[in-house]
Protein backbone atom coordinates (compact mmCIF):
# COMPACT_ATOMS: atom_id res chain seq x y z
CA UNK A 1 0.00 0.00 0.00
CA UNK A 2 2.89 2.36 0.78
CA UNK A 3 4.37 1.81 -2.68
CA UNK A 4 1.00 2.67 -4.25
CA UNK A 5 0.79 5.94 -2.31
CA UNK A 6 4.31 6.91 -3.41
CA UNK A 7 3.56 6.05 -7.05
CA UNK A 8 0.27 7.98 -6.93
CA UNK A 9 2.01 11.00 -5.40
CA UNK A 10 4.66 11.00 -8.12
CA UNK A 11 1.96 10.66 -10.79
CA UNK A 12 -0.08 13.59 -9.44
CA UNK A 13 3.02 15.78 -9.11
CA UNK A 14 4.06 14.89 -12.68
CA UNK A 15 0.62 15.93 -13.95
CA UNK A 16 0.80 19.24 -12.08
CA UNK A 17 4.36 20.05 -13.18
CA UNK A 18 3.64 19.02 -16.77
CA UNK A 19 0.56 21.23 -16.92
CA UNK A 20 2.44 24.20 -15.48
CA UNK A 21 5.34 23.80 -17.91
CA UNK A 22 3.14 23.37 -20.99
CA UNK A 23 0.95 26.37 -20.23
CA UNK A 24 4.02 28.60 -19.90
CA UNK A 25 5.45 27.73 -23.35
CA UNK A 26 5.19 30.62 -25.83
CA UNK A 27 3.60 29.80 -29.22
CA UNK A 28 6.88 30.36 -31.08
CA UNK A 29 8.46 27.43 -29.24
CA UNK A 30 5.52 25.06 -29.63
CA UNK A 31 6.58 23.42 -32.91
CA UNK A 32 10.21 22.71 -31.90
CA UNK A 33 8.98 21.24 -28.64
CA UNK A 34 6.43 19.17 -30.55
CA UNK A 35 9.23 17.76 -32.69
CA UNK A 36 11.18 16.91 -29.55
CA UNK A 37 8.16 15.21 -28.02
CA UNK A 38 7.91 13.04 -31.15
CA UNK A 39 11.31 11.58 -30.29
CA UNK A 40 10.17 10.90 -26.74
CA UNK A 41 6.98 9.28 -28.04
CA UNK A 42 9.14 7.08 -30.24
CA UNK A 43 10.98 5.89 -27.14
CA UNK A 44 7.62 5.32 -25.44
CA UNK A 45 6.54 3.27 -28.43
CA UNK A 46 9.59 1.02 -28.10
CA UNK A 47 8.88 0.55 -24.38
CA UNK A 48 5.25 -0.25 -25.12
CA UNK A 49 6.30 -2.85 -27.67
CA UNK A 50 8.59 -4.46 -25.11
CA UNK A 51 5.83 -4.42 -22.49
CA UNK A 52 3.23 -5.94 -24.77
CA UNK A 53 5.67 -8.49 -26.15
CA UNK A 54 6.82 -9.73 -22.74
CA UNK A 55 3.34 -11.14 -21.99
CA UNK A 56 3.97 -11.46 -18.28
CA UNK A 57 0.26 -11.21 -17.57
CA UNK A 58 -2.93 -10.38 -19.42
CA UNK A 59 -3.05 -6.93 -17.80
CA UNK A 60 0.47 -5.97 -18.92
CA UNK A 61 -0.27 -7.16 -22.44
CA UNK A 62 -3.49 -5.12 -22.63
CA UNK A 63 -1.81 -2.03 -21.17
CA UNK A 64 1.11 -2.51 -23.58
CA UNK A 65 -1.22 -2.66 -26.58
CA UNK A 66 -3.05 0.47 -25.39
CA UNK A 67 0.29 2.23 -24.95
CA UNK A 68 1.27 1.22 -28.49
CA UNK A 69 -1.97 2.66 -29.86
CA UNK A 70 -1.71 5.96 -27.95
CA UNK A 71 2.00 6.44 -28.65
CA UNK A 72 1.45 5.77 -32.35
CA UNK A 73 -1.36 8.33 -32.48
CA UNK A 74 0.89 10.82 -30.69
CA UNK A 75 3.84 10.26 -33.05
CA UNK A 76 1.73 10.50 -36.21
CA UNK A 77 -0.13 13.57 -34.95
CA UNK A 78 3.11 15.27 -33.96
CA UNK A 79 4.66 14.69 -37.35
CA UNK A 80 1.52 15.99 -39.06
CA UNK A 81 1.61 19.18 -36.99
CA UNK A 82 5.34 19.64 -37.63
CA UNK A 83 4.89 19.05 -41.37
CA UNK A 84 2.04 21.53 -41.54
CA UNK A 85 4.04 24.13 -39.64
CA UNK A 86 7.06 23.67 -41.91
CA UNK A 87 4.83 23.99 -44.97
CA UNK A 88 4.04 27.53 -43.85
CA UNK A 89 7.67 28.49 -44.46
CA UNK A 90 8.01 26.97 -47.94
CA UNK A 91 8.07 29.23 -50.97
CA UNK A 92 4.85 29.35 -52.91
CA UNK A 93 5.15 28.52 -56.57
C-alpha atoms as a PDB file:
ATOM      1  CA  UNK A   1       0.000   0.000   0.000  1.00  0.00           C
ATOM      2  CA  UNK A   2       2.888   2.356   0.783  1.00  0.00           C
ATOM      3  CA  UNK A   3       4.371   1.814  -2.682  1.00  0.00           C
ATOM      4  CA  UNK A   4       0.999   2.670  -4.254  1.00  0.00           C
ATOM      5  CA  UNK A   5       0.788   5.944  -2.313  1.00  0.00           C
ATOM      6  CA  UNK A   6       4.308   6.913  -3.409  1.00  0.00           C
ATOM      7  CA  UNK A   7       3.555   6.050  -7.048  1.00  0.00           C
ATOM      8  CA  UNK A   8       0.265   7.976  -6.928  1.00  0.00           C
ATOM      9  CA  UNK A   9       2.010  10.997  -5.399  1.00  0.00           C
ATOM     10  CA  UNK A  10       4.662  11.004  -8.119  1.00  0.00           C
ATOM     11  CA  UNK A  11       1.960  10.656 -10.786  1.00  0.00           C
ATOM     12  CA  UNK A  12      -0.079  13.591  -9.439  1.00  0.00           C
ATOM     13  CA  UNK A  13       3.023  15.776  -9.112  1.00  0.00           C
ATOM     14  CA  UNK A  14       4.059  14.888 -12.684  1.00  0.00           C
ATOM     15  CA  UNK A  15       0.620  15.934 -13.948  1.00  0.00           C
ATOM     16  CA  UNK A  16       0.804  19.235 -12.076  1.00  0.00           C
ATOM     17  CA  UNK A  17       4.355  20.053 -13.175  1.00  0.00           C
ATOM     18  CA  UNK A  18       3.640  19.025 -16.772  1.00  0.00           C
ATOM     19  CA  UNK A  19       0.562  21.230 -16.918  1.00  0.00           C
ATOM     20  CA  UNK A  20       2.440  24.201 -15.477  1.00  0.00           C
ATOM     21  CA  UNK A  21       5.338  23.798 -17.911  1.00  0.00           C
ATOM     22  CA  UNK A  22       3.145  23.365 -20.985  1.00  0.00           C
ATOM     23  CA  UNK A  23       0.950  26.370 -20.233  1.00  0.00           C
ATOM     24  CA  UNK A  24       4.022  28.601 -19.903  1.00  0.00           C
ATOM     25  CA  UNK A  25       5.448  27.725 -23.353  1.00  0.00           C
ATOM     26  CA  UNK A  26       5.189  30.620 -25.827  1.00  0.00           C
ATOM     27  CA  UNK A  27       3.600  29.802 -29.216  1.00  0.00           C
ATOM     28  CA  UNK A  28       6.885  30.358 -31.078  1.00  0.00           C
ATOM     29  CA  UNK A  29       8.457  27.429 -29.239  1.00  0.00           C
ATOM     30  CA  UNK A  30       5.522  25.059 -29.632  1.00  0.00           C
ATOM     31  CA  UNK A  31       6.583  23.423 -32.912  1.00  0.00           C
ATOM     32  CA  UNK A  32      10.211  22.712 -31.900  1.00  0.00           C
ATOM     33  CA  UNK A  33       8.975  21.242 -28.643  1.00  0.00           C
ATOM     34  CA  UNK A  34       6.426  19.166 -30.551  1.00  0.00           C
ATOM     35  CA  UNK A  35       9.229  17.756 -32.686  1.00  0.00           C
ATOM     36  CA  UNK A  36      11.178  16.908 -29.550  1.00  0.00           C
ATOM     37  CA  UNK A  37       8.163  15.209 -28.020  1.00  0.00           C
ATOM     38  CA  UNK A  38       7.913  13.038 -31.151  1.00  0.00           C
ATOM     39  CA  UNK A  39      11.313  11.585 -30.291  1.00  0.00           C
ATOM     40  CA  UNK A  40      10.166  10.904 -26.735  1.00  0.00           C
ATOM     41  CA  UNK A  41       6.976   9.278 -28.037  1.00  0.00           C
ATOM     42  CA  UNK A  42       9.137   7.075 -30.240  1.00  0.00           C
ATOM     43  CA  UNK A  43      10.981   5.894 -27.141  1.00  0.00           C
ATOM     44  CA  UNK A  44       7.624   5.324 -25.437  1.00  0.00           C
ATOM     45  CA  UNK A  45       6.541   3.271 -28.430  1.00  0.00           C
ATOM     46  CA  UNK A  46       9.588   1.017 -28.099  1.00  0.00           C
ATOM     47  CA  UNK A  47       8.877   0.555 -24.376  1.00  0.00           C
ATOM     48  CA  UNK A  48       5.250  -0.251 -25.115  1.00  0.00           C
ATOM     49  CA  UNK A  49       6.301  -2.854 -27.675  1.00  0.00           C
ATOM     50  CA  UNK A  50       8.588  -4.460 -25.114  1.00  0.00           C
ATOM     51  CA  UNK A  51       5.833  -4.419 -22.491  1.00  0.00           C
ATOM     52  CA  UNK A  52       3.232  -5.936 -24.771  1.00  0.00           C
ATOM     53  CA  UNK A  53       5.665  -8.494 -26.151  1.00  0.00           C
ATOM     54  CA  UNK A  54       6.815  -9.725 -22.741  1.00  0.00           C
ATOM     55  CA  UNK A  55       3.336 -11.138 -21.990  1.00  0.00           C
ATOM     56  CA  UNK A  56       3.968 -11.461 -18.278  1.00  0.00           C
ATOM     57  CA  UNK A  57       0.259 -11.214 -17.569  1.00  0.00           C
ATOM     58  CA  UNK A  58      -2.927 -10.377 -19.422  1.00  0.00           C
ATOM     59  CA  UNK A  59      -3.048  -6.928 -17.801  1.00  0.00           C
ATOM     60  CA  UNK A  60       0.468  -5.966 -18.917  1.00  0.00           C
ATOM     61  CA  UNK A  61      -0.268  -7.162 -22.444  1.00  0.00           C
ATOM     62  CA  UNK A  62      -3.488  -5.121 -22.630  1.00  0.00           C
ATOM     63  CA  UNK A  63      -1.807  -2.026 -21.174  1.00  0.00           C
ATOM     64  CA  UNK A  64       1.111  -2.507 -23.577  1.00  0.00           C
ATOM     65  CA  UNK A  65      -1.217  -2.663 -26.575  1.00  0.00           C
ATOM     66  CA  UNK A  66      -3.051   0.467 -25.387  1.00  0.00           C
ATOM     67  CA  UNK A  67       0.289   2.225 -24.947  1.00  0.00           C
ATOM     68  CA  UNK A  68       1.267   1.222 -28.490  1.00  0.00           C
ATOM     69  CA  UNK A  69      -1.974   2.661 -29.859  1.00  0.00           C
ATOM     70  CA  UNK A  70      -1.713   5.960 -27.952  1.00  0.00           C
ATOM     71  CA  UNK A  71       1.997   6.443 -28.646  1.00  0.00           C
ATOM     72  CA  UNK A  72       1.450   5.769 -32.348  1.00  0.00           C
ATOM     73  CA  UNK A  73      -1.361   8.332 -32.477  1.00  0.00           C
ATOM     74  CA  UNK A  74       0.893  10.822 -30.692  1.00  0.00           C
ATOM     75  CA  UNK A  75       3.835  10.259 -33.046  1.00  0.00           C
ATOM     76  CA  UNK A  76       1.729  10.505 -36.208  1.00  0.00           C
ATOM     77  CA  UNK A  77      -0.129  13.573 -34.950  1.00  0.00           C
ATOM     78  CA  UNK A  78       3.108  15.265 -33.956  1.00  0.00           C
ATOM     79  CA  UNK A  79       4.656  14.688 -37.348  1.00  0.00           C
ATOM     80  CA  UNK A  80       1.525  15.989 -39.056  1.00  0.00           C
ATOM     81  CA  UNK A  81       1.612  19.185 -36.987  1.00  0.00           C
ATOM     82  CA  UNK A  82       5.335  19.638 -37.630  1.00  0.00           C
ATOM     83  CA  UNK A  83       4.894  19.047 -41.368  1.00  0.00           C
ATOM     84  CA  UNK A  84       2.037  21.533 -41.539  1.00  0.00           C
ATOM     85  CA  UNK A  85       4.040  24.128 -39.639  1.00  0.00           C
ATOM     86  CA  UNK A  86       7.065  23.668 -41.908  1.00  0.00           C
ATOM     87  CA  UNK A  87       4.828  23.991 -44.969  1.00  0.00           C
ATOM     88  CA  UNK A  88       4.041  27.528 -43.852  1.00  0.00           C
ATOM     89  CA  UNK A  89       7.669  28.488 -44.464  1.00  0.00           C
ATOM     90  CA  UNK A  90       8.009  26.973 -47.944  1.00  0.00           C
ATOM     91  CA  UNK A  91       8.069  29.235 -50.970  1.00  0.00           C
ATOM     92  CA  UNK A  92       4.854  29.347 -52.906  1.00  0.00           C
ATOM     93  CA  UNK A  93       5.146  28.519 -56.571  1.00  0.00           C
END
